[in-house]
Amino acid sequence: MEYTKASNAVPSTMKAWVYEEYGSPTNVLKLKSDVPVPDIKDDQVLIKVEAASLNPIDYKRMLGFLKATDSSPPTIPGYDVAGRVVKVGSQVKKFKVGDEVYGDINEKAFEQPKSSGSLAEYTAVEEKVLALKPENLSFVEAASTPPLAIETAHEGLERAGFAPGQSILVLGGAGGVGTFVIQLAKHVFGASKIAATSSTTKLELLRSLGADLAIDYTKENVEDLPEKFDVVFDTVGQCEITIKAVKEGGKVASIIGNETPPAFIFILTSTGSVLEKLKPYLEDGRVKPVIDPKSPFPFPQTVEAFAYLQTNRATAKVVIHPIP
């Protein structure tokens, strides 16, 4: 569908997944068809959502883990979005109606995340957290190049001071963040050696993404490896292991778990500028989206998609598409 400034295509209400109290997705998440389409502020655009990917933070937030800093329910969940701009605020400079964009709609993951997220037909998003979608990626692929995950991978490598010629160990290499840590370490940061862990069935995926050493965590202990690494990127929360696998003077970047030196925990600040920086790597195929084989889940099966994500068996990203 073509959208213009004169278009009347945007309705007043929409379908959206909503929870009105904290709890498991199976119990509290409901599909509603009469949710008001959000108004946009001067620095925002309204996006017709084409695809959205799920992140563990989505269900953890729903379970109440962020209650102290969360915006109060009712809440439409969803951080990552790919879609088309259908309306622009008066201060928006980068985008126009009809642009295909993607991004993580929450600049701060844990600090008052939006109550109107991406698991809806429309969502309102600040210009600064969005980027133009690479033309070679479909909406499903853009959503599975999840801004939250790829930006987390990039920020963690930067904060660790990862430099060309250094080695890295990635714990949870087949997850949403881990798949991008491997690819960015290899193609953007110039790693000399990449090791990564996964279960037995996902070892070949690690190798295909660029890992020189694929470690089956069900059979090997990384702390027993004879070599140590300049940087360890922990996506699974095993700090006691990571500090045994890093070289003296090295860094451990962690997105979950305990903060025991030399490990540090960081929380992503989302920005469209990182997506713009990485766009050439996505366009020429050096960095590729990885989609879980069960994806995409159609919009009406979002609860089933969350249940699958909560098994911790998903590979990379779980995507919702199409969205009505």
Protein backbone atom coordinates (compact mmCIF):
# COMPACT_ATOMS: atom_id res chain seq x y z
CA MET A 1 0.00 0.00 0.00
CA GLU A 2 1.27 3.47 -0.88
CA TYR A 3 0.99 6.08 1.85
CA THR A 4 1.00 9.82 1.22
CA LYS A 5 0.50 12.80 3.48
CA ALA A 6 -3.02 13.05 2.18
CA SER A 7 -3.72 9.41 2.85
CA ASN A 8 -6.67 8.45 5.00
CA ALA A 9 -5.33 4.92 5.44
CA VAL A 10 -4.66 5.26 9.19
CA PRO A 11 -7.71 4.19 11.22
CA SER A 12 -8.59 5.41 14.68
CA THR A 13 -8.40 1.95 16.30
CA MET A 14 -6.23 -1.10 15.75
CA LYS A 15 -5.56 -4.69 16.71
CA ALA A 16 -2.93 -5.10 19.40
CA TRP A 17 -1.72 -7.58 22.00
CA VAL A 18 -2.28 -6.12 25.46
CA TYR A 19 -1.72 -7.17 29.06
CA GLU A 20 -3.44 -5.33 31.88
CA GLU A 21 -1.62 -7.02 34.76
CA TYR A 22 1.72 -8.73 35.26
CA GLY A 23 1.96 -12.48 34.66
CA SER A 24 2.99 -15.10 32.14
CA PRO A 25 2.10 -14.39 28.50
CA THR A 26 -0.18 -17.43 28.42
CA ASN A 27 -2.26 -16.02 31.26
CA VAL A 28 -2.29 -12.26 30.74
CA LEU A 29 -1.66 -11.45 27.06
CA LYS A 30 -4.88 -10.79 25.12
CA LEU A 31 -5.56 -9.80 21.50
CA LYS A 32 -7.79 -6.73 21.32
CA SER A 33 -9.29 -5.18 18.19
CA ASP A 34 -10.39 -1.77 19.49
CA VAL A 35 -7.15 -0.27 20.82
CA PRO A 36 -6.71 3.45 19.96
CA VAL A 37 -3.98 4.11 17.40
CA PRO A 38 -1.33 6.11 19.30
CA ASP A 39 -0.91 9.83 18.68
CA ILE A 40 2.55 10.99 17.67
CA LYS A 41 4.65 13.72 19.26
CA ASP A 42 6.59 16.27 17.23
CA ASP A 43 9.76 14.13 17.22
CA GLN A 44 7.97 10.85 16.42
CA VAL A 45 6.74 8.94 13.40
CA LEU A 46 3.78 6.59 13.26
CA ILE A 47 4.75 3.20 11.86
CA LYS A 48 2.48 0.64 10.23
CA VAL A 49 4.06 -2.46 11.73
CA GLU A 50 4.94 -5.15 9.18
CA ALA A 51 7.01 -7.41 11.44
CA ALA A 52 8.20 -7.49 15.04
CA SER A 53 10.68 -9.73 16.81
CA LEU A 54 10.45 -10.97 20.38
CA ASN A 55 13.16 -10.57 22.99
CA PRO A 56 13.51 -12.17 26.43
CA ILE A 57 13.05 -8.70 27.96
CA ASP A 58 9.50 -8.69 26.53
CA TYR A 59 8.31 -11.61 28.63
CA LYS A 60 10.47 -10.71 31.62
CA ARG A 61 8.84 -7.29 31.63
CA MET A 62 5.43 -8.97 31.37
CA LEU A 63 6.33 -11.13 34.37
CA GLY A 64 7.01 -7.98 36.39
CA PHE A 65 10.81 -8.10 36.53
CA LEU A 66 11.02 -4.39 35.58
CA LYS A 67 8.16 -3.32 37.82
CA ALA A 68 10.24 -0.77 39.73
CA THR A 69 11.08 1.23 36.58
CA ASP A 70 8.33 0.12 34.21
CA SER A 71 5.50 2.16 32.78
CA SER A 72 2.26 0.88 34.29
CA PRO A 73 -0.04 -1.57 32.47
CA PRO A 74 -2.08 -1.77 30.33
CA THR A 75 0.86 -2.45 28.03
CA ILE A 76 1.35 -3.43 24.41
CA PRO A 77 4.64 -5.36 24.50
CA GLY A 78 7.36 -5.35 21.87
CA TYR A 79 10.69 -3.53 21.47
CA ASP A 80 11.81 -4.34 17.92
CA VAL A 81 9.89 -3.15 14.87
CA ALA A 82 10.10 -3.10 11.08
CA GLY A 83 7.47 -1.25 9.08
CA ARG A 84 6.43 1.74 6.99
CA VAL A 85 6.12 5.35 8.08
CA VAL A 86 2.52 6.54 7.71
CA LYS A 87 2.70 9.84 9.61
CA VAL A 88 5.53 12.17 10.66
CA GLY A 89 5.80 14.72 13.46
CA SER A 90 6.55 18.37 12.75
CA GLN A 91 10.19 18.14 13.92
CA VAL A 92 11.08 14.93 12.05
CA LYS A 93 13.86 15.48 9.49
CA LYS A 94 15.18 12.04 8.49
CA PHE A 95 12.00 10.28 7.42
CA LYS A 96 8.99 10.85 5.22
CA VAL A 97 5.70 9.05 4.73
CA GLY A 98 6.30 5.79 2.88
CA ASP A 99 9.83 5.16 4.18
CA GLU A 100 10.61 1.62 5.30
CA VAL A 101 12.26 1.74 8.72
CA TYR A 102 13.33 -0.44 11.61
CA GLY A 103 14.57 0.02 15.13
CA ASP A 104 14.29 -0.67 18.85
CA ILE A 105 11.46 1.62 19.94
CA ASN A 106 12.78 2.07 23.51
CA GLU A 107 15.89 4.22 23.88
CA LYS A 108 16.39 2.89 27.42
CA ALA A 109 15.48 -0.79 27.77
CA PHE A 110 14.67 -0.69 31.50
CA GLU A 111 13.73 2.95 32.18
CA GLN A 112 10.04 3.62 31.58
CA PRO A 113 9.76 1.55 28.38
CA LYS A 114 6.78 2.52 26.25
CA SER A 115 3.34 1.24 27.18
CA SER A 116 2.50 1.10 23.45
CA GLY A 117 4.95 -1.32 21.85
CA SER A 118 5.45 -3.03 18.50
CA LEU A 119 3.04 -5.98 18.83
CA ALA A 120 0.28 -3.93 17.24
CA GLU A 121 -0.80 -2.69 13.84
CA TYR A 122 0.69 0.75 14.54
CA THR A 123 3.28 2.15 16.92
CA ALA A 124 4.66 5.67 17.59
CA VAL A 125 8.45 5.92 17.69
CA GLU A 126 11.04 8.69 18.14
CA GLU A 127 12.99 9.51 15.01
CA LYS A 128 16.36 9.12 16.74
CA VAL A 129 16.00 5.39 17.45
CA LEU A 130 15.07 4.46 13.87
CA ALA A 131 16.99 3.86 10.65
CA LEU A 132 16.03 3.19 7.06
CA LYS A 133 15.65 -0.52 6.42
CA PRO A 134 18.37 -1.95 4.15
CA GLU A 135 16.71 -2.46 0.79
CA ASN A 136 18.00 -6.01 0.43
CA LEU A 137 16.23 -7.13 3.63
CA SER A 138 12.58 -8.09 3.82
CA PHE A 139 10.55 -6.82 6.77
CA VAL A 140 10.89 -10.26 8.39
CA GLU A 141 14.67 -10.16 7.92
CA ALA A 142 14.86 -6.59 9.23
CA ALA A 143 12.86 -7.55 12.31
CA SER A 144 15.14 -10.55 12.79
CA THR A 145 18.15 -8.24 12.49
CA PRO A 146 16.70 -7.11 15.73
CA PRO A 147 17.88 -3.65 16.59
CA LEU A 148 17.92 -4.50 20.29
CA ALA A 149 20.19 -7.50 19.70
CA ILE A 150 22.53 -6.09 17.06
CA GLU A 151 22.92 -2.83 18.98
CA THR A 152 23.58 -4.76 22.20
CA ALA A 153 26.25 -6.81 20.43
CA HIS A 154 27.90 -3.69 19.01
CA GLU A 155 27.78 -1.70 22.26
CA GLY A 156 29.21 -4.59 24.28
CA LEU A 157 32.16 -4.99 21.90
CA GLU A 158 32.82 -1.26 21.97
CA ARG A 159 32.64 -1.04 25.76
CA ALA A 160 35.02 -3.98 26.05
CA GLY A 161 37.48 -2.09 23.84
CA PHE A 162 37.56 -4.99 21.40
CA ALA A 163 40.22 -4.26 18.78
CA PRO A 164 41.54 -5.80 15.53
CA GLY A 165 43.68 -8.85 16.14
CA GLN A 166 42.13 -9.76 19.48
CA SER A 167 40.41 -13.03 20.37
CA ILE A 168 36.91 -13.44 21.74
CA LEU A 169 34.77 -16.11 23.38
CA VAL A 170 30.99 -15.79 23.02
CA LEU A 171 28.79 -17.63 25.52
CA GLY A 172 25.40 -18.31 23.94
CA GLY A 173 26.56 -17.89 20.36
CA ALA A 174 23.33 -19.16 18.79
CA GLY A 175 21.09 -16.67 20.60
CA GLY A 176 19.75 -13.38 19.32
CA VAL A 177 22.67 -11.33 20.64
CA GLY A 178 25.31 -14.04 20.26
CA THR A 179 24.76 -14.53 16.52
CA PHE A 180 25.51 -10.85 15.98
CA VAL A 181 28.49 -10.75 18.37
CA ILE A 182 30.17 -13.43 16.24
CA GLN A 183 29.46 -11.64 12.96
CA LEU A 184 30.37 -8.15 14.17
CA ALA A 185 33.54 -9.40 15.87
CA LYS A 186 34.65 -10.99 12.61
CA HIS A 187 33.57 -8.49 9.96
CA VAL A 188 33.42 -5.14 11.77
CA PHE A 189 35.97 -5.37 14.59
CA GLY A 190 38.56 -7.65 12.95
CA ALA A 191 38.84 -10.51 15.46
CA SER A 192 41.84 -12.82 15.14
CA LYS A 193 39.96 -15.77 16.63
CA ILE A 194 36.34 -16.35 17.60
CA ALA A 195 35.16 -19.14 19.88
CA ALA A 196 31.49 -19.59 20.74
CA THR A 197 29.30 -21.97 22.71
CA SER A 198 25.99 -23.61 21.87
CA SER A 199 24.16 -26.90 22.18
CA THR A 200 25.13 -29.80 19.92
CA THR A 201 22.60 -29.12 17.15
CA LYS A 202 23.67 -25.49 16.68
CA LEU A 203 27.43 -25.92 16.31
CA GLU A 204 27.32 -25.74 12.51
CA LEU A 205 25.41 -22.45 12.74
CA LEU A 206 28.24 -20.99 14.83
CA ARG A 207 30.78 -22.03 12.19
CA SER A 208 28.67 -20.61 9.37
CA LEU A 209 28.54 -17.25 11.17
CA GLY A 210 32.32 -17.09 11.48
CA ALA A 211 33.29 -18.93 14.66
CA ASP A 212 36.71 -20.59 14.41
CA LEU A 213 35.98 -22.79 17.41
CA ALA A 214 32.45 -24.07 18.05
CA ILE A 215 32.12 -25.43 21.60
CA ASP A 216 29.37 -27.81 22.67
CA TYR A 217 28.58 -26.63 26.19
CA THR A 218 26.87 -29.94 26.97
CA LYS A 219 30.21 -31.74 26.51
CA GLU A 220 32.97 -29.19 27.18
CA ASN A 221 33.70 -26.65 29.90
CA VAL A 222 35.05 -23.38 28.54
CA GLU A 223 36.93 -22.72 31.78
CA ASP A 224 39.01 -25.82 31.02
CA LEU A 225 40.15 -24.59 27.59
CA PRO A 226 43.96 -24.32 27.39
CA GLU A 227 43.79 -20.85 25.83
CA LYS A 228 42.33 -17.68 27.29
CA PHE A 229 40.66 -14.83 25.43
CA ASP A 230 41.10 -11.07 25.21
CA VAL A 231 37.36 -10.56 25.51
CA VAL A 232 34.53 -12.79 26.69
CA PHE A 233 30.98 -11.78 25.75
CA ASP A 234 28.51 -13.46 28.11
CA THR A 235 24.90 -13.52 26.91
CA VAL A 236 23.74 -16.25 29.30
CA GLY A 237 24.80 -15.07 32.78
CA GLN A 238 27.70 -17.36 33.71
CA CYS A 239 30.05 -14.86 35.27
CA GLU A 240 31.85 -17.45 37.40
CA ILE A 241 32.85 -19.24 34.18
CA THR A 242 33.70 -16.21 32.09
CA ILE A 243 36.27 -14.77 34.49
CA LYS A 244 38.17 -18.08 34.25
CA ALA A 245 38.26 -17.92 30.45
CA VAL A 246 39.55 -14.36 30.01
CA LYS A 247 43.22 -13.35 29.75
CA GLU A 248 44.81 -11.28 32.48
CA GLY A 249 43.96 -7.70 31.62
CA GLY A 250 41.07 -8.78 29.41
CA LYS A 251 37.42 -7.77 29.61
CA VAL A 252 34.14 -9.62 30.12
CA ALA A 253 31.03 -7.96 28.68
CA SER A 254 27.83 -9.32 30.19
CA ILE A 255 24.18 -8.53 29.61
CA ILE A 256 22.95 -10.65 32.51
CA GLY A 257 24.26 -12.08 35.78
CA ASN A 258 26.74 -10.95 38.43
CA GLU A 259 29.18 -8.09 38.01
CA THR A 260 32.43 -9.59 39.24
CA PRO A 261 35.60 -7.88 37.95
CA PRO A 262 36.89 -8.04 35.27
CA ALA A 263 33.27 -8.56 34.17
CA PHE A 264 30.99 -5.57 33.64
CA ILE A 265 27.26 -5.50 32.98
CA PHE A 266 25.87 -2.94 30.59
CA ILE A 267 22.37 -1.86 29.54
CA LEU A 268 21.82 -0.83 25.95
CA THR A 269 21.03 2.72 24.92
CA SER A 270 19.21 2.35 21.62
CA THR A 271 20.06 4.69 18.75
CA GLY A 272 19.42 4.67 15.03
CA SER A 273 22.99 5.84 14.37
CA VAL A 274 24.37 2.38 15.16
CA LEU A 275 21.99 0.82 12.64
CA GLU A 276 23.10 3.38 10.06
CA LYS A 277 26.76 2.57 10.78
CA LEU A 278 26.14 -1.15 10.29
CA LYS A 279 23.96 -0.74 7.18
CA PRO A 280 26.80 -1.37 4.68
CA TYR A 281 27.61 -4.69 6.37
CA LEU A 282 23.96 -5.75 6.18
CA GLU A 283 23.59 -4.61 2.58
CA ASP A 284 26.59 -6.54 1.27
CA GLY A 285 25.80 -9.67 3.26
CA ARG A 286 28.81 -9.69 5.58
CA VAL A 287 26.37 -9.51 8.51
CA LYS A 288 23.23 -11.59 8.01
CA PRO A 289 19.98 -11.91 9.93
CA VAL A 290 19.38 -15.31 11.51
CA ILE A 291 15.75 -16.39 11.86
CA ASP A 292 14.57 -19.23 14.04
CA PRO A 293 13.31 -22.11 11.84
CA LYS A 294 9.85 -21.93 13.43
CA SER A 295 9.53 -18.24 12.49
CA PRO A 296 7.70 -16.26 11.46
CA PHE A 297 4.71 -16.79 13.74
CA PRO A 298 1.53 -15.12 12.43
CA PHE A 299 0.17 -12.30 14.55
CA PRO A 300 -2.69 -14.36 16.08
CA GLN A 301 -0.10 -16.89 17.36
CA THR A 302 1.92 -14.38 19.38
CA VAL A 303 1.17 -16.17 22.67
CA GLU A 304 2.50 -19.42 21.18
CA ALA A 305 5.59 -17.55 19.99
CA PHE A 306 6.25 -16.29 23.52
CA ALA A 307 5.80 -19.81 24.93
CA TYR A 308 8.39 -21.07 22.44
CA LEU A 309 10.82 -18.26 23.28
CA GLN A 310 10.51 -19.09 26.97
CA THR A 311 11.73 -22.66 26.36
CA ASN A 312 15.21 -21.18 25.67
CA ARG A 313 15.45 -23.46 22.64
CA ALA A 314 14.99 -20.79 19.99
CA THR A 315 17.80 -20.11 17.56
CA ALA A 316 18.54 -16.40 17.11
CA LYS A 317 15.28 -14.50 16.70
CA VAL A 318 11.57 -15.32 16.89
CA VAL A 319 9.61 -13.06 14.52
CA ILE A 320 5.93 -12.13 14.31
CA HIS A 321 4.64 -11.66 10.73
CA PRO A 322 2.34 -10.87 9.04
CA ILE A 323 0.68 -8.23 11.18
CA PRO A 324 -2.78 -7.21 9.89
